[in-house]
């Protein structure tokens, strides 16, 4: 199994936040081809019981992933650990968080992995950044309608725009 398109959400709330995201994108770009990134934005933590620093978040679209969804999950966890994250699923601050949002139009439901990501449509920063991506053939008909509907709702602004759309992907791609 391989994926024409893989969409990942990346976030960091431990400094240097942008550096952690860039390093993760560098590693991921060795596995598959980075074609697009959303804007890099600063967001407030969501669904955490205690106060944390703000996150930097972006959505990245890759092509030509030769890994299965579960192999990709293992690799993303490996890169998270390599970049200083040692727990997954808790509410601790994190140097990097890599979520698989979409893998082609596949639906995966196992104890270890759910694709599409079960919370993509519940987090405005995720679906707003996802809507910036022009390579959106990864969306299923349901998720495409859902995204269109979500984008019509009023939104709180991001805390801050850090980098404009595709400026991060250009930075990563130019290194190769």
C-alpha atoms as a PDB file:
ATOM      1  CA  UNK A   1       0.000   0.000   0.000  1.00  0.00           C
ATOM      2  CA  UNK A   2       1.214   3.502  -0.761  1.00  0.00           C
ATOM      3  CA  UNK A   3      -0.288   6.981  -0.685  1.00  0.00           C
ATOM      4  CA  UNK A   4      -0.458   9.550  -3.424  1.00  0.00           C
ATOM      5  CA  UNK A   5      -1.267  12.133  -0.740  1.00  0.00           C
ATOM      6  CA  UNK A   6      -0.609  12.267   2.987  1.00  0.00           C
ATOM      7  CA  UNK A   7      -1.663  15.219   5.107  1.00  0.00           C
ATOM      8  CA  UNK A   8      -0.031  15.786   8.481  1.00  0.00           C
ATOM      9  CA  UNK A   9      -0.675  18.295  11.229  1.00  0.00           C
ATOM     10  CA  UNK A  10       2.435  19.456  13.074  1.00  0.00           C
ATOM     11  CA  UNK A  11       2.655  21.431  16.282  1.00  0.00           C
ATOM     12  CA  UNK A  12       5.145  22.461  18.939  1.00  0.00           C
ATOM     13  CA  UNK A  13       4.870  24.377  22.208  1.00  0.00           C
ATOM     14  CA  UNK A  14       8.451  24.059  23.444  1.00  0.00           C
ATOM     15  CA  UNK A  15      11.013  26.560  22.156  1.00  0.00           C
ATOM     16  CA  UNK A  16      12.414  26.766  19.581  1.00  0.00           C
ATOM     17  CA  UNK A  17       8.977  25.894  18.158  1.00  0.00           C
ATOM     18  CA  UNK A  18       9.627  26.746  14.510  1.00  0.00           C
ATOM     19  CA  UNK A  19      12.938  24.854  14.566  1.00  0.00           C
ATOM     20  CA  UNK A  20      11.248  21.703  15.877  1.00  0.00           C
ATOM     21  CA  UNK A  21       8.666  21.875  13.091  1.00  0.00           C
ATOM     22  CA  UNK A  22      11.310  22.492  10.424  1.00  0.00           C
ATOM     23  CA  UNK A  23      13.391  19.532  11.645  1.00  0.00           C
ATOM     24  CA  UNK A  24      10.331  17.276  11.615  1.00  0.00           C
ATOM     25  CA  UNK A  25       9.503  18.388   8.061  1.00  0.00           C
ATOM     26  CA  UNK A  26      13.111  17.707   7.011  1.00  0.00           C
ATOM     27  CA  UNK A  27      12.875  14.142   8.337  1.00  0.00           C
ATOM     28  CA  UNK A  28       9.450  13.553   6.790  1.00  0.00           C
ATOM     29  CA  UNK A  29      10.649  14.948   3.471  1.00  0.00           C
ATOM     30  CA  UNK A  30      13.179  12.100   3.353  1.00  0.00           C
ATOM     31  CA  UNK A  31      10.282   9.594   3.394  1.00  0.00           C
ATOM     32  CA  UNK A  32       7.953  11.326   0.972  1.00  0.00           C
ATOM     33  CA  UNK A  33       7.805  14.518  -1.066  1.00  0.00           C
ATOM     34  CA  UNK A  34       6.682  17.713   0.637  1.00  0.00           C
ATOM     35  CA  UNK A  35       4.518  19.658  -1.805  1.00  0.00           C
ATOM     36  CA  UNK A  36       2.762  22.248   0.307  1.00  0.00           C
ATOM     37  CA  UNK A  37       2.431  23.752   3.760  1.00  0.00           C
ATOM     38  CA  UNK A  38      -0.256  25.931   5.215  1.00  0.00           C
ATOM     39  CA  UNK A  39       0.583  29.092   7.067  1.00  0.00           C
ATOM     40  CA  UNK A  40       2.492  28.619  10.307  1.00  0.00           C
ATOM     41  CA  UNK A  41       0.332  30.068  13.071  1.00  0.00           C
ATOM     42  CA  UNK A  42       0.490  30.515  16.801  1.00  0.00           C
ATOM     43  CA  UNK A  43      -2.507  29.048  18.622  1.00  0.00           C
ATOM     44  CA  UNK A  44      -3.661  28.686  22.198  1.00  0.00           C
ATOM     45  CA  UNK A  45      -3.581  25.141  23.636  1.00  0.00           C
ATOM     46  CA  UNK A  46      -6.912  23.332  23.359  1.00  0.00           C
ATOM     47  CA  UNK A  47      -8.410  20.636  25.564  1.00  0.00           C
ATOM     48  CA  UNK A  48      -5.601  20.685  28.132  1.00  0.00           C
ATOM     49  CA  UNK A  49      -6.348  20.749  31.873  1.00  0.00           C
ATOM     50  CA  UNK A  50      -3.436  23.032  32.860  1.00  0.00           C
ATOM     51  CA  UNK A  51      -1.841  26.154  31.423  1.00  0.00           C
ATOM     52  CA  UNK A  52       0.723  25.614  28.658  1.00  0.00           C
ATOM     53  CA  UNK A  53       2.656  27.832  26.295  1.00  0.00           C
ATOM     54  CA  UNK A  54       1.059  28.588  22.943  1.00  0.00           C
ATOM     55  CA  UNK A  55       1.641  26.261  20.016  1.00  0.00           C
ATOM     56  CA  UNK A  56       3.009  26.833  16.560  1.00  0.00           C
ATOM     57  CA  UNK A  57       0.915  24.771  14.128  1.00  0.00           C
ATOM     58  CA  UNK A  58       0.809  24.008  10.423  1.00  0.00           C
ATOM     59  CA  UNK A  59      -0.609  21.478   7.990  1.00  0.00           C
ATOM     60  CA  UNK A  60       1.729  19.801   5.484  1.00  0.00           C
ATOM     61  CA  UNK A  61       0.794  17.929   2.309  1.00  0.00           C
ATOM     62  CA  UNK A  62       3.131  15.205   1.054  1.00  0.00           C
ATOM     63  CA  UNK A  63       3.055  13.012  -2.050  1.00  0.00           C
ATOM     64  CA  UNK A  64       4.413   9.581  -2.851  1.00  0.00           C
ATOM     65  CA  UNK A  65       4.457   7.954   0.573  1.00  0.00           C
ATOM     66  CA  UNK A  66       5.606   4.356   0.193  1.00  0.00           C
ATOM     67  CA  UNK A  67       4.729   3.461   3.782  1.00  0.00           C
ATOM     68  CA  UNK A  68       1.458   1.940   4.942  1.00  0.00           C
ATOM     69  CA  UNK A  69      -0.562   4.045   7.410  1.00  0.00           C
ATOM     70  CA  UNK A  70       0.744   2.041  10.372  1.00  0.00           C
ATOM     71  CA  UNK A  71       4.345   2.205   9.134  1.00  0.00           C
ATOM     72  CA  UNK A  72       3.943   5.977   8.756  1.00  0.00           C
ATOM     73  CA  UNK A  73       2.584   6.185  12.298  1.00  0.00           C
ATOM     74  CA  UNK A  74       5.666   4.304  13.584  1.00  0.00           C
ATOM     75  CA  UNK A  75       7.955   6.695  11.674  1.00  0.00           C
ATOM     76  CA  UNK A  76       6.176   9.814  12.962  1.00  0.00           C
ATOM     77  CA  UNK A  77       6.479   8.524  16.525  1.00  0.00           C
ATOM     78  CA  UNK A  78      10.163   7.787  15.943  1.00  0.00           C
ATOM     79  CA  UNK A  79      10.729  11.352  14.680  1.00  0.00           C
ATOM     80  CA  UNK A  80       8.794  12.770  17.637  1.00  0.00           C
ATOM     81  CA  UNK A  81      11.124  10.891  20.013  1.00  0.00           C
ATOM     82  CA  UNK A  82      14.200  11.875  18.015  1.00  0.00           C
ATOM     83  CA  UNK A  83      13.155  15.524  18.370  1.00  0.00           C
ATOM     84  CA  UNK A  84      12.643  15.276  22.127  1.00  0.00           C
ATOM     85  CA  UNK A  85       9.088  14.057  22.662  1.00  0.00           C
ATOM     86  CA  UNK A  86       8.834  11.057  24.922  1.00  0.00           C
ATOM     87  CA  UNK A  87       5.139  10.722  25.689  1.00  0.00           C
ATOM     88  CA  UNK A  88       2.125  10.526  23.428  1.00  0.00           C
ATOM     89  CA  UNK A  89      -1.473  11.010  24.455  1.00  0.00           C
ATOM     90  CA  UNK A  90      -0.912  13.023  27.613  1.00  0.00           C
ATOM     91  CA  UNK A  91      -1.217  16.764  28.074  1.00  0.00           C
ATOM     92  CA  UNK A  92       2.458  17.522  28.657  1.00  0.00           C
ATOM     93  CA  UNK A  93       4.174  20.238  26.625  1.00  0.00           C
ATOM     94  CA  UNK A  94       5.764  18.822  23.495  1.00  0.00           C
ATOM     95  CA  UNK A  95       8.699  19.687  21.304  1.00  0.00           C
ATOM     96  CA  UNK A  96       6.826  18.197  18.333  1.00  0.00           C
ATOM     97  CA  UNK A  97       3.465  16.607  17.717  1.00  0.00           C
ATOM     98  CA  UNK A  98       2.820  14.946  14.349  1.00  0.00           C
ATOM     99  CA  UNK A  99      -0.727  13.838  13.557  1.00  0.00           C
ATOM    100  CA  UNK A 100      -1.759  11.907  10.454  1.00  0.00           C
ATOM    101  CA  UNK A 101      -4.837  13.803   9.297  1.00  0.00           C
ATOM    102  CA  UNK A 102      -5.440  12.066   5.953  1.00  0.00           C
ATOM    103  CA  UNK A 103      -3.842   9.227   3.998  1.00  0.00           C
ATOM    104  CA  UNK A 104      -5.276   9.375   0.467  1.00  0.00           C
ATOM    105  CA  UNK A 105      -8.993   8.887   0.950  1.00  0.00           C
ATOM    106  CA  UNK A 106      -8.413   5.868   3.180  1.00  0.00           C
ATOM    107  CA  UNK A 107     -10.426   5.212   6.306  1.00  0.00           C
ATOM    108  CA  UNK A 108      -8.445   3.398   8.998  1.00  0.00           C
ATOM    109  CA  UNK A 109      -9.947   2.441  12.348  1.00  0.00           C
ATOM    110  CA  UNK A 110      -7.698   0.414  14.625  1.00  0.00           C
ATOM    111  CA  UNK A 111      -6.864   0.753  18.333  1.00  0.00           C
ATOM    112  CA  UNK A 112      -3.574   2.453  17.390  1.00  0.00           C
ATOM    113  CA  UNK A 113      -4.675   4.644  14.487  1.00  0.00           C
ATOM    114  CA  UNK A 114      -7.714   6.469  13.134  1.00  0.00           C
ATOM    115  CA  UNK A 115      -7.659   8.099   9.693  1.00  0.00           C
ATOM    116  CA  UNK A 116      -9.053  10.616   8.995  1.00  0.00           C
ATOM    117  CA  UNK A 117      -7.829  11.972  12.318  1.00  0.00           C
ATOM    118  CA  UNK A 118     -10.853  11.871  14.644  1.00  0.00           C
ATOM    119  CA  UNK A 119     -10.469  15.496  15.787  1.00  0.00           C
ATOM    120  CA  UNK A 120      -9.555  17.311  12.541  1.00  0.00           C
ATOM    121  CA  UNK A 121     -13.022  18.838  12.225  1.00  0.00           C
ATOM    122  CA  UNK A 122     -13.253  19.766  15.937  1.00  0.00           C
ATOM    123  CA  UNK A 123     -10.181  22.010  15.958  1.00  0.00           C
ATOM    124  CA  UNK A 124     -10.631  25.253  14.030  1.00  0.00           C
ATOM    125  CA  UNK A 125      -6.897  25.796  13.613  1.00  0.00           C
ATOM    126  CA  UNK A 126      -6.616  22.408  11.870  1.00  0.00           C
ATOM    127  CA  UNK A 127      -9.470  22.796   9.415  1.00  0.00           C
ATOM    128  CA  UNK A 128      -8.664  26.440   8.697  1.00  0.00           C
ATOM    129  CA  UNK A 129      -5.062  25.505   7.841  1.00  0.00           C
ATOM    130  CA  UNK A 130      -6.305  22.490   5.883  1.00  0.00           C
ATOM    131  CA  UNK A 131      -8.531  24.788   3.817  1.00  0.00           C
ATOM    132  CA  UNK A 132      -5.445  26.762   2.734  1.00  0.00           C
ATOM    133  CA  UNK A 133      -4.009  23.697   1.000  1.00  0.00           C
ATOM    134  CA  UNK A 134      -4.692  23.499  -2.715  1.00  0.00           C
ATOM    135  CA  UNK A 135      -3.664  19.848  -3.058  1.00  0.00           C
ATOM    136  CA  UNK A 136      -6.894  18.648  -1.500  1.00  0.00           C
ATOM    137  CA  UNK A 137      -7.719  15.541  -3.513  1.00  0.00           C
ATOM    138  CA  UNK A 138      -7.092  13.644  -0.269  1.00  0.00           C
ATOM    139  CA  UNK A 139     -10.480  14.779   1.003  1.00  0.00           C
ATOM    140  CA  UNK A 140     -13.277  12.273   0.863  1.00  0.00           C
ATOM    141  CA  UNK A 141     -16.641  13.575  -0.370  1.00  0.00           C
ATOM    142  CA  UNK A 142     -17.825  13.631   3.258  1.00  0.00           C
ATOM    143  CA  UNK A 143     -14.769  15.496   4.574  1.00  0.00           C
ATOM    144  CA  UNK A 144     -14.846  17.928   1.648  1.00  0.00           C
ATOM    145  CA  UNK A 145     -18.466  18.862   2.447  1.00  0.00           C
ATOM    146  CA  UNK A 146     -17.614  19.000   6.140  1.00  0.00           C
ATOM    147  CA  UNK A 147     -14.671  21.348   5.510  1.00  0.00           C
ATOM    148  CA  UNK A 148     -16.816  23.609   3.335  1.00  0.00           C
ATOM    149  CA  UNK A 149     -19.465  23.739   6.056  1.00  0.00           C
ATOM    150  CA  UNK A 150     -16.924  24.392   8.831  1.00  0.00           C
ATOM    151  CA  UNK A 151     -15.337  27.257   6.916  1.00  0.00           C
ATOM    152  CA  UNK A 152     -18.689  29.069   6.832  1.00  0.00           C
ATOM    153  CA  UNK A 153     -18.782  29.260  10.627  1.00  0.00           C
ATOM    154  CA  UNK A 154     -17.424  32.291  12.506  1.00  0.00           C
ATOM    155  CA  UNK A 155     -13.896  31.737  13.847  1.00  0.00           C
ATOM    156  CA  UNK A 156     -11.756  33.239  16.548  1.00  0.00           C
ATOM    157  CA  UNK A 157      -8.550  34.610  15.051  1.00  0.00           C
ATOM    158  CA  UNK A 158      -5.262  32.805  15.444  1.00  0.00           C
ATOM    159  CA  UNK A 159      -3.043  34.296  18.114  1.00  0.00           C
ATOM    160  CA  UNK A 160      -0.540  35.289  15.432  1.00  0.00           C
ATOM    161  CA  UNK A 161       0.503  34.508  11.872  1.00  0.00           C
ATOM    162  CA  UNK A 162       4.161  33.426  12.001  1.00  0.00           C
ATOM    163  CA  UNK A 163       4.836  32.505   8.357  1.00  0.00           C
ATOM    164  CA  UNK A 164       2.664  32.751   5.252  1.00  0.00           C
ATOM    165  CA  UNK A 165       1.424  29.738   3.305  1.00  0.00           C
ATOM    166  CA  UNK A 166       4.213  27.724   1.633  1.00  0.00           C
ATOM    167  CA  UNK A 167       7.078  29.808   3.050  1.00  0.00           C
ATOM    168  CA  UNK A 168       7.952  26.869   5.329  1.00  0.00           C
ATOM    169  CA  UNK A 169       7.747  24.291   2.515  1.00  0.00           C
ATOM    170  CA  UNK A 170      10.051  26.449   0.354  1.00  0.00           C
ATOM    171  CA  UNK A 171      12.537  26.568   3.235  1.00  0.00           C
ATOM    172  CA  UNK A 172      12.531  22.761   3.551  1.00  0.00           C
ATOM    173  CA  UNK A 173      12.547  22.037  -0.181  1.00  0.00           C
ATOM    174  CA  UNK A 174      15.414  24.464  -0.907  1.00  0.00           C
ATOM    175  CA  UNK A 175      17.643  22.527   1.519  1.00  0.00           C
ATOM    176  CA  UNK A 176      17.403  19.404  -0.667  1.00  0.00           C
END
